């Protein structure tokens, strides 16, 4: 069989284990995974998506279907066998040493990913569905501003911070950017290196009630935009980023094709 795009899966399963963890802030934990299979993983963008599967209680490895029909097979699994699945961003990939960094937002035991990460120790195992090095086309990344755009708008809550951090680190010199980041408290604020001309606005909820991401729209609505055609990348709580996209298109005149938005999570629900 030849390795054509139709015959090679774009995403394949990688069985990995924790090798170390690093607390980046009170609410952000970096977990480094390793495994020989990661030599076959690849990334093309700084918001590269992966799916992560967590073992159920009493399991060492999660039970995860593989192959081209993995998703319908996963959806059909009995609830007492089916592992929790969540979407994450690759923060760093080092295939030469078979390592991957993934940053987790910690919010106690409110969700399976945070619950697992809060207890993660070296040797703990998960399964990662990630981009396949053998596939001719790499999918699963979205930050791709049109060359004709003049500046970038980045906005998100803490779940978008890993992707926005990577995007800023790779931004070309001279590229102008307005960046809005909403976090739980000022303890989450950190330096974000950027070769471009980025103005970063941190918005702290300081423990106040309300929908995470709710501060973003107000801050952006009060901001004068630079001249020229923008490219907007928005991610975070689903209803918040949907409302923000609506504001940009309907009230600020941004062309909808120049706006990428993604609901990374849903308040009161789950997004796999």
C-alpha atoms as a PDB file:
ATOM      1  CA  UNK A   1       0.000   0.000   0.000  1.00  0.00           C
ATOM      2  CA  UNK A   2       1.382   3.438  -0.890  1.00  0.00           C
ATOM      3  CA  UNK A   3       1.331   6.217   1.650  1.00  0.00           C
ATOM      4  CA  UNK A   4      -1.210   8.533   0.064  1.00  0.00           C
ATOM      5  CA  UNK A   5      -3.316  11.028   1.933  1.00  0.00           C
ATOM      6  CA  UNK A   6      -6.435   8.869   1.561  1.00  0.00           C
ATOM      7  CA  UNK A   7      -4.730   5.791   3.000  1.00  0.00           C
ATOM      8  CA  UNK A   8      -2.907   7.358   5.938  1.00  0.00           C
ATOM      9  CA  UNK A   9      -4.867   8.585   8.943  1.00  0.00           C
ATOM     10  CA  UNK A  10      -4.319  12.272   9.675  1.00  0.00           C
ATOM     11  CA  UNK A  11      -4.526  11.614  13.432  1.00  0.00           C
ATOM     12  CA  UNK A  12      -3.328   8.476  15.201  1.00  0.00           C
ATOM     13  CA  UNK A  13      -3.164   7.286  18.795  1.00  0.00           C
ATOM     14  CA  UNK A  14      -0.020   7.744  20.892  1.00  0.00           C
ATOM     15  CA  UNK A  15       0.330   5.891  24.201  1.00  0.00           C
ATOM     16  CA  UNK A  16       2.391   8.042  26.556  1.00  0.00           C
ATOM     17  CA  UNK A  17       3.258   8.501  30.213  1.00  0.00           C
ATOM     18  CA  UNK A  18       4.046  11.423  32.476  1.00  0.00           C
ATOM     19  CA  UNK A  19       7.745  12.098  32.962  1.00  0.00           C
ATOM     20  CA  UNK A  20       7.541  15.401  34.861  1.00  0.00           C
ATOM     21  CA  UNK A  21       5.222  18.223  35.886  1.00  0.00           C
ATOM     22  CA  UNK A  22       5.859  21.929  36.426  1.00  0.00           C
ATOM     23  CA  UNK A  23       3.566  24.392  38.184  1.00  0.00           C
ATOM     24  CA  UNK A  24       3.545  27.495  35.982  1.00  0.00           C
ATOM     25  CA  UNK A  25       1.123  29.455  38.159  1.00  0.00           C
ATOM     26  CA  UNK A  26      -1.475  28.707  40.827  1.00  0.00           C
ATOM     27  CA  UNK A  27      -3.932  27.551  38.135  1.00  0.00           C
ATOM     28  CA  UNK A  28      -1.674  26.318  35.331  1.00  0.00           C
ATOM     29  CA  UNK A  29       0.266  23.055  35.304  1.00  0.00           C
ATOM     30  CA  UNK A  30       2.605  21.856  32.566  1.00  0.00           C
ATOM     31  CA  UNK A  31       2.722  18.106  32.108  1.00  0.00           C
ATOM     32  CA  UNK A  32       5.497  16.575  30.020  1.00  0.00           C
ATOM     33  CA  UNK A  33       4.604  13.281  28.374  1.00  0.00           C
ATOM     34  CA  UNK A  34       7.006  10.809  26.796  1.00  0.00           C
ATOM     35  CA  UNK A  35       6.801   7.637  24.780  1.00  0.00           C
ATOM     36  CA  UNK A  36       8.590   6.184  21.763  1.00  0.00           C
ATOM     37  CA  UNK A  37       5.496   6.574  19.605  1.00  0.00           C
ATOM     38  CA  UNK A  38       5.824  10.382  19.811  1.00  0.00           C
ATOM     39  CA  UNK A  39       8.613  10.158  17.236  1.00  0.00           C
ATOM     40  CA  UNK A  40       5.717   9.815  14.779  1.00  0.00           C
ATOM     41  CA  UNK A  41       3.841  12.916  15.955  1.00  0.00           C
ATOM     42  CA  UNK A  42       4.055  16.274  14.195  1.00  0.00           C
ATOM     43  CA  UNK A  43       2.764  19.817  14.617  1.00  0.00           C
ATOM     44  CA  UNK A  44       2.268  22.592  12.082  1.00  0.00           C
ATOM     45  CA  UNK A  45       0.770  25.414  14.125  1.00  0.00           C
ATOM     46  CA  UNK A  46       0.952  26.999  17.535  1.00  0.00           C
ATOM     47  CA  UNK A  47      -2.696  26.185  18.281  1.00  0.00           C
ATOM     48  CA  UNK A  48      -2.296  22.538  17.243  1.00  0.00           C
ATOM     49  CA  UNK A  49      -5.159  20.456  18.645  1.00  0.00           C
ATOM     50  CA  UNK A  50      -4.927  17.010  20.174  1.00  0.00           C
ATOM     51  CA  UNK A  51      -7.435  14.752  21.912  1.00  0.00           C
ATOM     52  CA  UNK A  52      -6.466  13.266  25.260  1.00  0.00           C
ATOM     53  CA  UNK A  53      -8.066  10.215  26.868  1.00  0.00           C
ATOM     54  CA  UNK A  54      -7.839   9.584  30.609  1.00  0.00           C
ATOM     55  CA  UNK A  55      -7.939   6.186  32.346  1.00  0.00           C
ATOM     56  CA  UNK A  56     -10.956   5.342  34.424  1.00  0.00           C
ATOM     57  CA  UNK A  57     -10.623   4.471  38.086  1.00  0.00           C
ATOM     58  CA  UNK A  58      -8.662   1.240  38.479  1.00  0.00           C
ATOM     59  CA  UNK A  59      -7.159   1.402  34.989  1.00  0.00           C
ATOM     60  CA  UNK A  60      -3.528   1.960  34.051  1.00  0.00           C
ATOM     61  CA  UNK A  61      -4.263   2.790  30.408  1.00  0.00           C
ATOM     62  CA  UNK A  62      -7.533   4.117  28.999  1.00  0.00           C
ATOM     63  CA  UNK A  63      -9.439   1.837  26.638  1.00  0.00           C
ATOM     64  CA  UNK A  64      -9.523   3.770  23.348  1.00  0.00           C
ATOM     65  CA  UNK A  65     -10.647   2.529  19.916  1.00  0.00           C
ATOM     66  CA  UNK A  66      -8.219   3.038  17.033  1.00  0.00           C
ATOM     67  CA  UNK A  67      -8.480   3.197  13.266  1.00  0.00           C
ATOM     68  CA  UNK A  68     -10.424   5.383  10.823  1.00  0.00           C
ATOM     69  CA  UNK A  69     -13.732   4.757  12.635  1.00  0.00           C
ATOM     70  CA  UNK A  70     -12.401   5.560  16.093  1.00  0.00           C
ATOM     71  CA  UNK A  71     -14.906   8.362  16.779  1.00  0.00           C
ATOM     72  CA  UNK A  72     -18.176   6.473  16.139  1.00  0.00           C
ATOM     73  CA  UNK A  73     -16.640   3.491  17.924  1.00  0.00           C
ATOM     74  CA  UNK A  74     -15.787   5.745  20.868  1.00  0.00           C
ATOM     75  CA  UNK A  75     -19.264   7.249  20.968  1.00  0.00           C
ATOM     76  CA  UNK A  76     -20.763   3.739  20.991  1.00  0.00           C
ATOM     77  CA  UNK A  77     -18.690   2.542  23.960  1.00  0.00           C
ATOM     78  CA  UNK A  78     -20.595   1.581  27.136  1.00  0.00           C
ATOM     79  CA  UNK A  79     -20.503   4.355  29.711  1.00  0.00           C
ATOM     80  CA  UNK A  80     -18.795   2.116  32.273  1.00  0.00           C
ATOM     81  CA  UNK A  81     -15.880   1.587  29.846  1.00  0.00           C
ATOM     82  CA  UNK A  82     -15.729   4.813  27.880  1.00  0.00           C
ATOM     83  CA  UNK A  83     -12.809   7.069  28.958  1.00  0.00           C
ATOM     84  CA  UNK A  84     -13.146  10.820  29.354  1.00  0.00           C
ATOM     85  CA  UNK A  85     -11.854  12.694  26.302  1.00  0.00           C
ATOM     86  CA  UNK A  86     -10.854  16.365  26.178  1.00  0.00           C
ATOM     87  CA  UNK A  87      -9.178  18.630  23.623  1.00  0.00           C
ATOM     88  CA  UNK A  88      -5.843  20.317  24.350  1.00  0.00           C
ATOM     89  CA  UNK A  89      -3.163  22.357  22.620  1.00  0.00           C
ATOM     90  CA  UNK A  90       0.344  21.044  22.089  1.00  0.00           C
ATOM     91  CA  UNK A  91       2.511  23.543  23.936  1.00  0.00           C
ATOM     92  CA  UNK A  92       5.769  21.981  22.731  1.00  0.00           C
ATOM     93  CA  UNK A  93       6.687  18.862  20.786  1.00  0.00           C
ATOM     94  CA  UNK A  94      10.181  17.368  20.802  1.00  0.00           C
ATOM     95  CA  UNK A  95       9.944  14.283  18.572  1.00  0.00           C
ATOM     96  CA  UNK A  96      13.726  13.847  18.628  1.00  0.00           C
ATOM     97  CA  UNK A  97      13.463  12.917  22.315  1.00  0.00           C
ATOM     98  CA  UNK A  98       9.837  11.673  22.098  1.00  0.00           C
ATOM     99  CA  UNK A  99       8.409  14.323  24.452  1.00  0.00           C
ATOM    100  CA  UNK A 100       5.353  16.570  24.426  1.00  0.00           C
ATOM    101  CA  UNK A 101       4.365  19.408  26.769  1.00  0.00           C
ATOM    102  CA  UNK A 102       0.694  20.103  27.489  1.00  0.00           C
ATOM    103  CA  UNK A 103      -0.526  22.864  29.811  1.00  0.00           C
ATOM    104  CA  UNK A 104      -3.579  22.167  32.007  1.00  0.00           C
ATOM    105  CA  UNK A 105      -5.845  24.708  33.684  1.00  0.00           C
ATOM    106  CA  UNK A 106      -6.474  23.495  37.223  1.00  0.00           C
ATOM    107  CA  UNK A 107      -9.940  23.960  38.685  1.00  0.00           C
ATOM    108  CA  UNK A 108     -10.103  21.235  41.273  1.00  0.00           C
ATOM    109  CA  UNK A 109     -12.230  18.154  40.699  1.00  0.00           C
ATOM    110  CA  UNK A 110     -14.816  19.919  38.544  1.00  0.00           C
ATOM    111  CA  UNK A 111     -13.790  18.022  35.426  1.00  0.00           C
ATOM    112  CA  UNK A 112     -11.944  14.818  34.507  1.00  0.00           C
ATOM    113  CA  UNK A 113      -8.907  16.567  32.998  1.00  0.00           C
ATOM    114  CA  UNK A 114      -8.309  18.899  35.930  1.00  0.00           C
ATOM    115  CA  UNK A 115      -8.944  16.073  38.391  1.00  0.00           C
ATOM    116  CA  UNK A 116      -6.383  13.879  36.616  1.00  0.00           C
ATOM    117  CA  UNK A 117      -3.794  16.639  36.212  1.00  0.00           C
ATOM    118  CA  UNK A 118      -4.027  17.696  39.837  1.00  0.00           C
ATOM    119  CA  UNK A 119      -2.893  14.212  40.862  1.00  0.00           C
ATOM    120  CA  UNK A 120      -0.529  13.456  37.958  1.00  0.00           C
ATOM    121  CA  UNK A 121       2.816  11.883  38.860  1.00  0.00           C
ATOM    122  CA  UNK A 122       5.606  10.374  36.733  1.00  0.00           C
ATOM    123  CA  UNK A 123       4.515   7.043  35.290  1.00  0.00           C
ATOM    124  CA  UNK A 124       0.829   7.935  34.954  1.00  0.00           C
ATOM    125  CA  UNK A 125      -0.433   7.025  31.496  1.00  0.00           C
ATOM    126  CA  UNK A 126      -2.855   8.576  29.017  1.00  0.00           C
ATOM    127  CA  UNK A 127      -3.605   8.183  25.317  1.00  0.00           C
ATOM    128  CA  UNK A 128      -3.229  11.102  22.906  1.00  0.00           C
ATOM    129  CA  UNK A 129      -4.802  11.342  19.479  1.00  0.00           C
ATOM    130  CA  UNK A 130      -2.415  13.577  17.563  1.00  0.00           C
ATOM    131  CA  UNK A 131      -1.238  14.533  14.072  1.00  0.00           C
ATOM    132  CA  UNK A 132       0.428  11.746  12.139  1.00  0.00           C
ATOM    133  CA  UNK A 133       3.895  12.470  10.709  1.00  0.00           C
ATOM    134  CA  UNK A 134       3.152  10.084   7.831  1.00  0.00           C
ATOM    135  CA  UNK A 135       0.106  12.042   6.631  1.00  0.00           C
ATOM    136  CA  UNK A 136       0.967  14.385   3.725  1.00  0.00           C
ATOM    137  CA  UNK A 137      -1.289  17.130   5.109  1.00  0.00           C
ATOM    138  CA  UNK A 138      -1.290  18.275   8.734  1.00  0.00           C
ATOM    139  CA  UNK A 139      -4.679  19.211  10.155  1.00  0.00           C
ATOM    140  CA  UNK A 140      -5.878  20.569  13.491  1.00  0.00           C
ATOM    141  CA  UNK A 141      -4.452  24.085  13.655  1.00  0.00           C
ATOM    142  CA  UNK A 142      -6.262  27.313  12.840  1.00  0.00           C
ATOM    143  CA  UNK A 143      -4.039  30.369  13.345  1.00  0.00           C
ATOM    144  CA  UNK A 144      -3.388  31.225   9.710  1.00  0.00           C
ATOM    145  CA  UNK A 145      -3.832  34.949   9.091  1.00  0.00           C
ATOM    146  CA  UNK A 146      -4.219  35.999   5.476  1.00  0.00           C
ATOM    147  CA  UNK A 147      -1.066  37.666   4.178  1.00  0.00           C
ATOM    148  CA  UNK A 148      -3.167  40.714   3.266  1.00  0.00           C
ATOM    149  CA  UNK A 149      -4.273  41.370   6.848  1.00  0.00           C
ATOM    150  CA  UNK A 150      -2.568  44.255   8.637  1.00  0.00           C
ATOM    151  CA  UNK A 151      -2.766  43.312  12.307  1.00  0.00           C
ATOM    152  CA  UNK A 152      -3.884  40.554  14.678  1.00  0.00           C
ATOM    153  CA  UNK A 153      -6.450  40.434  17.469  1.00  0.00           C
ATOM    154  CA  UNK A 154      -6.006  37.584  19.958  1.00  0.00           C
ATOM    155  CA  UNK A 155      -8.528  37.056  22.744  1.00  0.00           C
ATOM    156  CA  UNK A 156      -9.258  34.246  25.152  1.00  0.00           C
ATOM    157  CA  UNK A 157      -9.534  33.028  28.702  1.00  0.00           C
ATOM    158  CA  UNK A 158      -6.972  30.873  30.520  1.00  0.00           C
ATOM    159  CA  UNK A 159      -7.818  27.815  28.414  1.00  0.00           C
ATOM    160  CA  UNK A 160      -6.565  29.718  25.362  1.00  0.00           C
ATOM    161  CA  UNK A 161      -3.370  30.865  27.065  1.00  0.00           C
ATOM    162  CA  UNK A 162      -1.168  27.957  25.840  1.00  0.00           C
ATOM    163  CA  UNK A 163      -2.129  28.609  22.214  1.00  0.00           C
ATOM    164  CA  UNK A 164      -1.850  32.397  22.485  1.00  0.00           C
ATOM    165  CA  UNK A 165       1.543  32.068  24.184  1.00  0.00           C
ATOM    166  CA  UNK A 166       2.807  29.976  21.273  1.00  0.00           C
ATOM    167  CA  UNK A 167       1.288  32.274  18.653  1.00  0.00           C
ATOM    168  CA  UNK A 168       2.938  35.327  20.202  1.00  0.00           C
ATOM    169  CA  UNK A 169       6.326  33.626  20.515  1.00  0.00           C
ATOM    170  CA  UNK A 170       6.312  32.905  16.772  1.00  0.00           C
ATOM    171  CA  UNK A 171       4.839  36.228  15.609  1.00  0.00           C
ATOM    172  CA  UNK A 172       7.015  37.931  12.977  1.00  0.00           C
ATOM    173  CA  UNK A 173       8.845  41.115  13.887  1.00  0.00           C
ATOM    174  CA  UNK A 174       6.780  44.136  12.968  1.00  0.00           C
ATOM    175  CA  UNK A 175       3.422  42.351  13.111  1.00  0.00           C
ATOM    176  CA  UNK A 176       1.064  44.428  15.238  1.00  0.00           C
ATOM    177  CA  UNK A 177      -1.221  42.645  17.689  1.00  0.00           C
ATOM    178  CA  UNK A 178      -3.807  43.497  20.293  1.00  0.00           C
ATOM    179  CA  UNK A 179      -4.055  40.720  22.887  1.00  0.00           C
ATOM    180  CA  UNK A 180      -6.737  40.316  25.554  1.00  0.00           C
ATOM    181  CA  UNK A 181      -6.397  37.583  28.158  1.00  0.00           C
ATOM    182  CA  UNK A 182      -8.912  36.940  30.921  1.00  0.00           C
ATOM    183  CA  UNK A 183      -7.690  34.947  33.930  1.00  0.00           C
ATOM    184  CA  UNK A 184      -8.954  34.069  37.373  1.00  0.00           C
ATOM    185  CA  UNK A 185      -6.557  36.328  39.287  1.00  0.00           C
ATOM    186  CA  UNK A 186      -3.518  38.544  38.889  1.00  0.00           C
ATOM    187  CA  UNK A 187      -1.396  35.596  40.077  1.00  0.00           C
ATOM    188  CA  UNK A 188      -1.878  34.103  36.579  1.00  0.00           C
ATOM    189  CA  UNK A 189      -0.264  37.053  34.792  1.00  0.00           C
ATOM    190  CA  UNK A 190       3.141  36.341  33.261  1.00  0.00           C
ATOM    191  CA  UNK A 191       5.544  37.662  30.654  1.00  0.00           C
ATOM    192  CA  UNK A 192       4.679  36.592  27.116  1.00  0.00           C
ATOM    193  CA  UNK A 193       7.677  37.016  24.797  1.00  0.00           C
ATOM    194  CA  UNK A 194       6.797  38.262  21.320  1.00  0.00           C
ATOM    195  CA  UNK A 195       9.060  39.424  18.479  1.00  0.00           C
ATOM    196  CA  UNK A 196       6.106  41.345  17.056  1.00  0.00           C
ATOM    197  CA  UNK A 197       4.554  44.591  18.263  1.00  0.00           C
ATOM    198  CA  UNK A 198       2.018  43.227  20.754  1.00  0.00           C
ATOM    199  CA  UNK A 199      -0.034  45.201  23.258  1.00  0.00           C
ATOM    200  CA  UNK A 200      -1.222  42.741  25.886  1.00  0.00           C
ATOM    201  CA  UNK A 201      -4.168  43.490  28.170  1.00  0.00           C
ATOM    202  CA  UNK A 202      -4.708  41.169  31.142  1.00  0.00           C
ATOM    203  CA  UNK A 203      -8.200  41.020  32.623  1.00  0.00           C
ATOM    204  CA  UNK A 204      -8.521  39.528  36.097  1.00  0.00           C
ATOM    205  CA  UNK A 205     -11.813  38.204  37.456  1.00  0.00           C
ATOM    206  CA  UNK A 206     -10.312  38.269  40.962  1.00  0.00           C
ATOM    207  CA  UNK A 207     -12.703  35.577  42.100  1.00  0.00           C
ATOM    208  CA  UNK A 208     -15.770  37.577  41.071  1.00  0.00           C
ATOM    209  CA  UNK A 209     -18.799  35.595  39.873  1.00  0.00           C
ATOM    210  CA  UNK A 210     -19.724  35.621  36.224  1.00  0.00           C
ATOM    211  CA  UNK A 211     -19.077  33.722  33.048  1.00  0.00           C
ATOM    212  CA  UNK A 212     -15.369  33.277  32.337  1.00  0.00           C
ATOM    213  CA  UNK A 213     -14.651  35.300  29.234  1.00  0.00           C
ATOM    214  CA  UNK A 214     -17.279  37.851  30.178  1.00  0.00           C
ATOM    215  CA  UNK A 215     -14.706  40.613  30.627  1.00  0.00           C
ATOM    216  CA  UNK A 216     -13.290  40.201  27.141  1.00  0.00           C
ATOM    217  CA  UNK A 217     -16.112  41.750  25.154  1.00  0.00           C
ATOM    218  CA  UNK A 218     -16.296  44.872  27.311  1.00  0.00           C
ATOM    219  CA  UNK A 219     -12.562  45.445  27.125  1.00  0.00           C
ATOM    220  CA  UNK A 220     -12.449  44.955  23.365  1.00  0.00           C
ATOM    221  CA  UNK A 221     -15.526  47.141  22.825  1.00  0.00           C
ATOM    222  CA  UNK A 222     -13.750  49.988  24.622  1.00  0.00           C
ATOM    223  CA  UNK A 223     -10.594  49.640  22.541  1.00  0.00           C
ATOM    224  CA  UNK A 224      -9.865  51.676  19.416  1.00  0.00           C
ATOM    225  CA  UNK A 225      -8.614  49.388  16.681  1.00  0.00           C
ATOM    226  CA  UNK A 226      -5.610  50.185  14.501  1.00  0.00           C
ATOM    227  CA  UNK A 227      -6.240  51.123  10.892  1.00  0.00           C
ATOM    228  CA  UNK A 228      -6.235  48.339   8.343  1.00  0.00           C
ATOM    229  CA  UNK A 229      -7.665  44.868   7.989  1.00  0.00           C
ATOM    230  CA  UNK A 230      -7.526  42.715  11.143  1.00  0.00           C
ATOM    231  CA  UNK A 231      -7.288  38.978  11.619  1.00  0.00           C
ATOM    232  CA  UNK A 232      -9.012  37.805  14.808  1.00  0.00           C
ATOM    233  CA  UNK A 233      -8.360  34.563  16.696  1.00  0.00           C
ATOM    234  CA  UNK A 234     -10.754  33.935  19.603  1.00  0.00           C
ATOM    235  CA  UNK A 235     -10.977  30.972  21.973  1.00  0.00           C
ATOM    236  CA  UNK A 236     -12.386  30.183  25.392  1.00  0.00           C
ATOM    237  CA  UNK A 237     -15.800  29.580  26.895  1.00  0.00           C
ATOM    238  CA  UNK A 238     -18.190  28.846  24.037  1.00  0.00           C
ATOM    239  CA  UNK A 239     -20.894  31.451  24.658  1.00  0.00           C
ATOM    240  CA  UNK A 240     -18.323  34.148  25.414  1.00  0.00           C
ATOM    241  CA  UNK A 241     -16.353  33.705  22.189  1.00  0.00           C
ATOM    242  CA  UNK A 242     -19.544  33.401  20.128  1.00  0.00           C
ATOM    243  CA  UNK A 243     -20.714  36.727  21.534  1.00  0.00           C
ATOM    244  CA  UNK A 244     -17.323  38.270  20.908  1.00  0.00           C
ATOM    245  CA  UNK A 245     -17.352  37.154  17.265  1.00  0.00           C
ATOM    246  CA  UNK A 246     -20.809  38.646  16.882  1.00  0.00           C
ATOM    247  CA  UNK A 247     -19.528  41.946  18.293  1.00  0.00           C
ATOM    248  CA  UNK A 248     -16.567  42.040  15.913  1.00  0.00           C
ATOM    249  CA  UNK A 249     -18.636  41.256  12.814  1.00  0.00           C
ATOM    250  CA  UNK A 250     -21.816  43.197  13.564  1.00  0.00           C
ATOM    251  CA  UNK A 251     -20.495  46.155  15.541  1.00  0.00           C
ATOM    252  CA  UNK A 252     -16.875  46.572  14.491  1.00  0.00           C
ATOM    253  CA  UNK A 253     -17.179  45.724  10.818  1.00  0.00           C
ATOM    254  CA  UNK A 254     -14.672  42.855  10.796  1.00  0.00           C
ATOM    255  CA  UNK A 255     -15.193  40.502   7.854  1.00  0.00           C
ATOM    256  CA  UNK A 256     -16.436  37.172   9.200  1.00  0.00           C
ATOM    257  CA  UNK A 257     -13.897  35.282   7.097  1.00  0.00           C
ATOM    258  CA  UNK A 258     -11.139  37.082   9.022  1.00  0.00           C
ATOM    259  CA  UNK A 259     -12.410  35.784  12.367  1.00  0.00           C
ATOM    260  CA  UNK A 260     -11.548  32.345  13.739  1.00  0.00           C
ATOM    261  CA  UNK A 261     -13.389  31.419  16.931  1.00  0.00           C
ATOM    262  CA  UNK A 262     -13.511  28.227  18.957  1.00  0.00           C
ATOM    263  CA  UNK A 263     -15.433  27.227  22.048  1.00  0.00           C
ATOM    264  CA  UNK A 264     -12.769  25.382  24.038  1.00  0.00           C
ATOM    265  CA  UNK A 265     -15.254  24.610  26.793  1.00  0.00           C
ATOM    266  CA  UNK A 266     -18.888  25.158  27.744  1.00  0.00           C
ATOM    267  CA  UNK A 267     -20.055  26.520  31.067  1.00  0.00           C
ATOM    268  CA  UNK A 268     -22.248  23.858  32.667  1.00  0.00           C
ATOM    269  CA  UNK A 269     -21.442  21.275  30.006  1.00  0.00           C
ATOM    270  CA  UNK A 270     -18.660  19.341  28.331  1.00  0.00           C
ATOM    271  CA  UNK A 271     -16.970  19.744  24.962  1.00  0.00           C
ATOM    272  CA  UNK A 272     -14.973  16.743  23.860  1.00  0.00           C
END
